């Protein structure tokens, strides 16, 4: 696959791990949705008890690469299946 930039590549490879990541979801729509996700915890780690609200996973739909600005649906139109990790999307 030809990546739009090194930033997108690094964050796509880390999808599902703690920290920031990007991936595609086709779960609710045949049209691909690009998601910028932040995970506060590694998978399988229990959420710590706190007196303050804690968001363990946050999803934001994006249309453009946060690192280089390319239109994601245009650039990755032939790689949607490869980037699809719908199971990671928070509903």
N, C-alpha and C. Protein backbone atom coordinates (compact mmCIF):
# COMPACT_ATOMS: atom_id res chain seq x y z
N UNK A 1 0.84 -1.17 0.00
CA UNK A 1 0.00 0.00 0.00
C UNK A 1 0.89 1.24 0.00
N UNK A 2 0.45 2.24 -0.72
CA UNK A 2 1.16 3.51 -0.72
C UNK A 2 0.51 4.43 0.30
N UNK A 3 1.24 4.75 1.36
CA UNK A 3 0.74 5.59 2.44
C UNK A 3 0.80 7.06 2.02
N UNK A 4 -0.12 7.86 2.53
CA UNK A 4 -0.11 9.30 2.21
C UNK A 4 1.06 9.99 2.91
N UNK A 5 1.44 9.50 4.10
CA UNK A 5 2.57 10.08 4.83
C UNK A 5 3.00 9.11 5.94
N UNK A 6 4.14 9.37 6.53
CA UNK A 6 4.66 8.51 7.60
C UNK A 6 3.79 8.59 8.86
N UNK A 7 3.22 9.74 9.14
CA UNK A 7 2.36 9.89 10.31
C UNK A 7 1.14 9.00 10.23
N UNK A 8 0.48 8.98 9.08
CA UNK A 8 -0.70 8.14 8.91
C UNK A 8 -0.31 6.67 8.99
N UNK A 9 0.76 6.30 8.34
CA UNK A 9 1.22 4.90 8.36
C UNK A 9 1.47 4.43 9.79
N UNK A 10 2.20 5.21 10.57
CA UNK A 10 2.53 4.82 11.95
C UNK A 10 1.27 4.67 12.79
N UNK A 11 0.31 5.55 12.60
CA UNK A 11 -0.92 5.49 13.40
C UNK A 11 -1.88 4.41 12.92
N UNK A 12 -1.84 4.05 11.65
CA UNK A 12 -2.66 2.95 11.14
C UNK A 12 -2.12 1.61 11.65
N UNK A 13 -0.82 1.48 11.70
CA UNK A 13 -0.20 0.24 12.18
C UNK A 13 -0.50 0.00 13.66
N UNK A 14 -0.63 1.08 14.44
CA UNK A 14 -0.85 0.93 15.87
C UNK A 14 -2.33 0.84 16.27
N UNK A 15 -3.24 0.75 15.32
CA UNK A 15 -4.67 0.68 15.63
C UNK A 15 -4.96 -0.49 16.57
N UNK A 16 -5.70 -0.19 17.64
CA UNK A 16 -6.07 -1.19 18.63
C UNK A 16 -5.19 -1.18 19.86
N UNK A 17 -4.08 -0.47 19.81
CA UNK A 17 -3.17 -0.35 20.94
C UNK A 17 -3.41 0.95 21.69
N UNK A 18 -2.81 1.08 22.85
CA UNK A 18 -2.92 2.31 23.64
C UNK A 18 -2.32 3.49 22.87
N UNK A 19 -2.96 4.64 22.95
CA UNK A 19 -2.49 5.84 22.27
C UNK A 19 -3.38 6.18 21.09
N UNK A 20 -2.89 7.03 20.22
CA UNK A 20 -3.64 7.49 19.05
C UNK A 20 -3.44 6.54 17.88
N UNK A 21 -4.50 6.37 17.09
CA UNK A 21 -4.45 5.49 15.92
C UNK A 21 -5.51 5.92 14.91
N UNK A 22 -5.38 5.44 13.68
CA UNK A 22 -6.39 5.66 12.65
C UNK A 22 -6.74 4.32 12.00
N UNK A 23 -8.00 4.20 11.58
CA UNK A 23 -8.44 3.01 10.87
C UNK A 23 -9.72 3.33 10.12
N UNK A 24 -10.18 2.37 9.32
CA UNK A 24 -11.42 2.50 8.56
C UNK A 24 -12.47 1.59 9.20
N UNK A 25 -13.71 2.06 9.19
CA UNK A 25 -14.83 1.23 9.61
C UNK A 25 -15.89 1.24 8.52
N UNK A 26 -16.41 0.05 8.22
CA UNK A 26 -17.53 -0.09 7.28
C UNK A 26 -18.69 -0.79 7.98
N UNK A 27 -18.68 -0.78 9.31
CA UNK A 27 -19.66 -1.50 10.11
C UNK A 27 -21.09 -1.05 9.85
N UNK A 28 -21.36 0.23 9.93
CA UNK A 28 -22.72 0.74 9.85
C UNK A 28 -23.10 1.27 8.48
N UNK A 29 -22.17 1.30 7.56
CA UNK A 29 -22.41 1.94 6.27
C UNK A 29 -21.46 1.33 5.25
N UNK A 30 -21.93 1.06 4.06
CA UNK A 30 -21.02 0.55 3.03
C UNK A 30 -19.95 1.57 2.64
N UNK A 31 -20.25 2.85 2.88
CA UNK A 31 -19.28 3.91 2.62
C UNK A 31 -18.24 3.89 3.75
N UNK A 32 -16.95 3.84 3.43
CA UNK A 32 -15.94 3.79 4.49
C UNK A 32 -15.91 5.06 5.34
N UNK A 33 -15.70 4.86 6.64
CA UNK A 33 -15.56 5.96 7.58
C UNK A 33 -14.16 5.87 8.16
N UNK A 34 -13.41 6.96 8.07
CA UNK A 34 -12.07 7.01 8.65
C UNK A 34 -12.19 7.52 10.08
N UNK A 35 -11.54 6.83 11.00
CA UNK A 35 -11.67 7.15 12.42
C UNK A 35 -10.30 7.41 13.03
N UNK A 36 -10.21 8.51 13.75
CA UNK A 36 -9.06 8.83 14.60
C UNK A 36 -9.47 8.41 16.00
N UNK A 37 -8.73 7.48 16.58
CA UNK A 37 -9.10 6.92 17.87
C UNK A 37 -7.99 7.11 18.88
N UNK A 38 -8.38 7.37 20.13
CA UNK A 38 -7.42 7.43 21.23
C UNK A 38 -7.85 6.42 22.29
N UNK A 39 -6.91 5.55 22.68
CA UNK A 39 -7.16 4.56 23.74
C UNK A 39 -6.28 4.90 24.92
N UNK A 40 -6.90 5.08 26.09
CA UNK A 40 -6.16 5.43 27.30
C UNK A 40 -5.46 4.22 27.92
N UNK A 41 -5.95 3.02 27.60
CA UNK A 41 -5.41 1.80 28.21
C UNK A 41 -5.08 0.76 27.14
N UNK A 42 -4.15 -0.10 27.44
CA UNK A 42 -3.88 -1.23 26.57
C UNK A 42 -5.07 -2.18 26.60
N UNK A 43 -5.31 -2.93 25.52
CA UNK A 43 -6.42 -3.88 25.50
C UNK A 43 -6.28 -4.90 26.64
N UNK A 44 -7.41 -5.21 27.28
CA UNK A 44 -7.42 -6.20 28.34
C UNK A 44 -7.07 -5.68 29.73
N UNK A 45 -6.64 -4.43 29.82
CA UNK A 45 -6.31 -3.83 31.11
C UNK A 45 -7.60 -3.29 31.73
N UNK A 46 -7.89 -3.65 32.98
CA UNK A 46 -9.12 -3.12 33.59
C UNK A 46 -9.04 -1.61 33.81
N UNK A 47 -10.20 -0.97 33.68
CA UNK A 47 -10.28 0.48 33.90
C UNK A 47 -10.06 0.75 35.39
N UNK A 48 -9.13 1.64 35.71
CA UNK A 48 -8.87 1.92 37.13
C UNK A 48 -10.05 2.64 37.78
N UNK A 49 -10.20 2.42 39.06
CA UNK A 49 -11.25 3.10 39.82
C UNK A 49 -10.80 4.54 40.08
N UNK A 50 -11.66 5.49 39.70
CA UNK A 50 -11.35 6.91 39.93
C UNK A 50 -12.60 7.61 40.42
N UNK A 51 -12.42 8.76 41.03
CA UNK A 51 -13.55 9.59 41.44
C UNK A 51 -13.97 10.55 40.33
N UNK A 52 -13.19 10.58 39.27
CA UNK A 52 -13.47 11.46 38.13
C UNK A 52 -13.84 10.61 36.93
N UNK A 53 -14.65 11.17 36.03
CA UNK A 53 -14.99 10.42 34.81
C UNK A 53 -13.74 10.11 33.99
N UNK A 54 -13.73 8.94 33.37
CA UNK A 54 -12.59 8.53 32.56
C UNK A 54 -13.11 7.95 31.25
N UNK A 55 -12.66 8.49 30.16
CA UNK A 55 -12.99 7.95 28.85
C UNK A 55 -11.84 7.05 28.42
N UNK A 56 -12.09 5.75 28.35
CA UNK A 56 -11.00 4.84 28.01
C UNK A 56 -10.73 4.78 26.51
N UNK A 57 -11.77 5.05 25.69
CA UNK A 57 -11.62 5.06 24.23
C UNK A 57 -12.46 6.20 23.66
N UNK A 58 -11.87 6.97 22.75
CA UNK A 58 -12.56 8.06 22.09
C UNK A 58 -12.38 7.94 20.59
N UNK A 59 -13.48 8.03 19.85
CA UNK A 59 -13.45 7.98 18.38
C UNK A 59 -13.91 9.32 17.80
N UNK A 60 -13.24 9.75 16.73
CA UNK A 60 -13.65 10.93 15.97
C UNK A 60 -13.55 10.58 14.49
N UNK A 61 -14.62 10.83 13.75
CA UNK A 61 -14.58 10.60 12.31
C UNK A 61 -13.81 11.73 11.65
N UNK A 62 -12.96 11.38 10.69
CA UNK A 62 -12.15 12.38 9.99
C UNK A 62 -12.28 12.19 8.48
N UNK A 63 -12.05 13.24 7.74
CA UNK A 63 -12.08 13.18 6.28
C UNK A 63 -10.71 13.43 5.67
N UNK A 64 -9.85 14.09 6.42
CA UNK A 64 -8.53 14.45 5.92
C UNK A 64 -7.46 13.94 6.88
N UNK A 65 -6.31 13.62 6.36
CA UNK A 65 -5.20 13.15 7.18
C UNK A 65 -4.77 14.26 8.14
N UNK A 66 -4.69 13.96 9.44
CA UNK A 66 -4.27 14.98 10.40
C UNK A 66 -2.82 15.41 10.25
N UNK A 67 -2.00 14.61 9.54
CA UNK A 67 -0.58 14.91 9.41
C UNK A 67 -0.21 15.57 8.09
N UNK A 68 -0.89 15.21 6.99
CA UNK A 68 -0.51 15.82 5.70
C UNK A 68 -1.67 16.50 4.98
N UNK A 69 -2.90 16.27 5.43
CA UNK A 69 -4.06 16.96 4.87
C UNK A 69 -4.72 16.32 3.67
N UNK A 70 -4.24 15.18 3.21
CA UNK A 70 -4.82 14.52 2.04
C UNK A 70 -6.26 14.08 2.32
N UNK A 71 -7.11 14.07 1.29
CA UNK A 71 -8.47 13.56 1.39
C UNK A 71 -8.37 12.03 1.50
N UNK A 72 -8.79 11.48 2.63
CA UNK A 72 -8.57 10.06 2.91
C UNK A 72 -9.38 9.14 2.00
N UNK A 73 -10.65 9.44 1.73
CA UNK A 73 -11.46 8.58 0.86
C UNK A 73 -10.89 8.52 -0.55
N UNK A 74 -10.34 9.61 -1.02
CA UNK A 74 -9.74 9.64 -2.35
C UNK A 74 -8.43 8.86 -2.37
N UNK A 75 -7.56 9.13 -1.40
CA UNK A 75 -6.23 8.52 -1.39
C UNK A 75 -6.31 7.00 -1.17
N UNK A 76 -7.16 6.56 -0.26
CA UNK A 76 -7.22 5.14 0.12
C UNK A 76 -8.40 4.39 -0.48
N UNK A 77 -8.98 4.90 -1.57
CA UNK A 77 -10.16 4.28 -2.16
C UNK A 77 -9.93 2.81 -2.55
N UNK A 78 -8.70 2.44 -2.89
CA UNK A 78 -8.42 1.05 -3.27
C UNK A 78 -7.85 0.22 -2.12
N UNK A 79 -7.74 0.79 -0.93
CA UNK A 79 -7.15 0.08 0.21
C UNK A 79 -8.09 0.01 1.41
N UNK A 80 -9.37 0.27 1.19
CA UNK A 80 -10.33 0.31 2.30
C UNK A 80 -10.38 -1.03 3.04
N UNK A 81 -10.42 -2.13 2.32
CA UNK A 81 -10.48 -3.45 2.97
C UNK A 81 -9.26 -3.71 3.84
N UNK A 82 -8.13 -3.30 3.37
CA UNK A 82 -6.88 -3.50 4.11
C UNK A 82 -6.85 -2.68 5.40
N UNK A 83 -7.44 -1.52 5.39
CA UNK A 83 -7.46 -0.63 6.56
C UNK A 83 -8.68 -0.84 7.46
N UNK A 84 -9.63 -1.67 7.02
CA UNK A 84 -10.87 -1.85 7.77
C UNK A 84 -10.63 -2.64 9.06
N UNK A 85 -10.87 -1.97 10.16
CA UNK A 85 -10.81 -2.60 11.48
C UNK A 85 -12.07 -2.19 12.24
N UNK A 86 -13.21 -2.48 11.63
CA UNK A 86 -14.50 -2.07 12.17
C UNK A 86 -14.71 -2.51 13.61
N UNK A 87 -14.11 -3.63 13.99
CA UNK A 87 -14.28 -4.14 15.35
C UNK A 87 -13.72 -3.22 16.42
N UNK A 88 -12.85 -2.28 16.03
CA UNK A 88 -12.27 -1.34 17.00
C UNK A 88 -13.15 -0.13 17.25
N UNK A 89 -14.14 0.10 16.40
CA UNK A 89 -14.98 1.30 16.52
C UNK A 89 -15.84 1.24 17.78
N UNK A 90 -15.90 2.36 18.48
CA UNK A 90 -16.75 2.49 19.66
C UNK A 90 -18.12 2.92 19.18
N UNK A 91 -19.13 2.23 19.62
CA UNK A 91 -20.50 2.57 19.20
C UNK A 91 -21.21 3.40 20.24
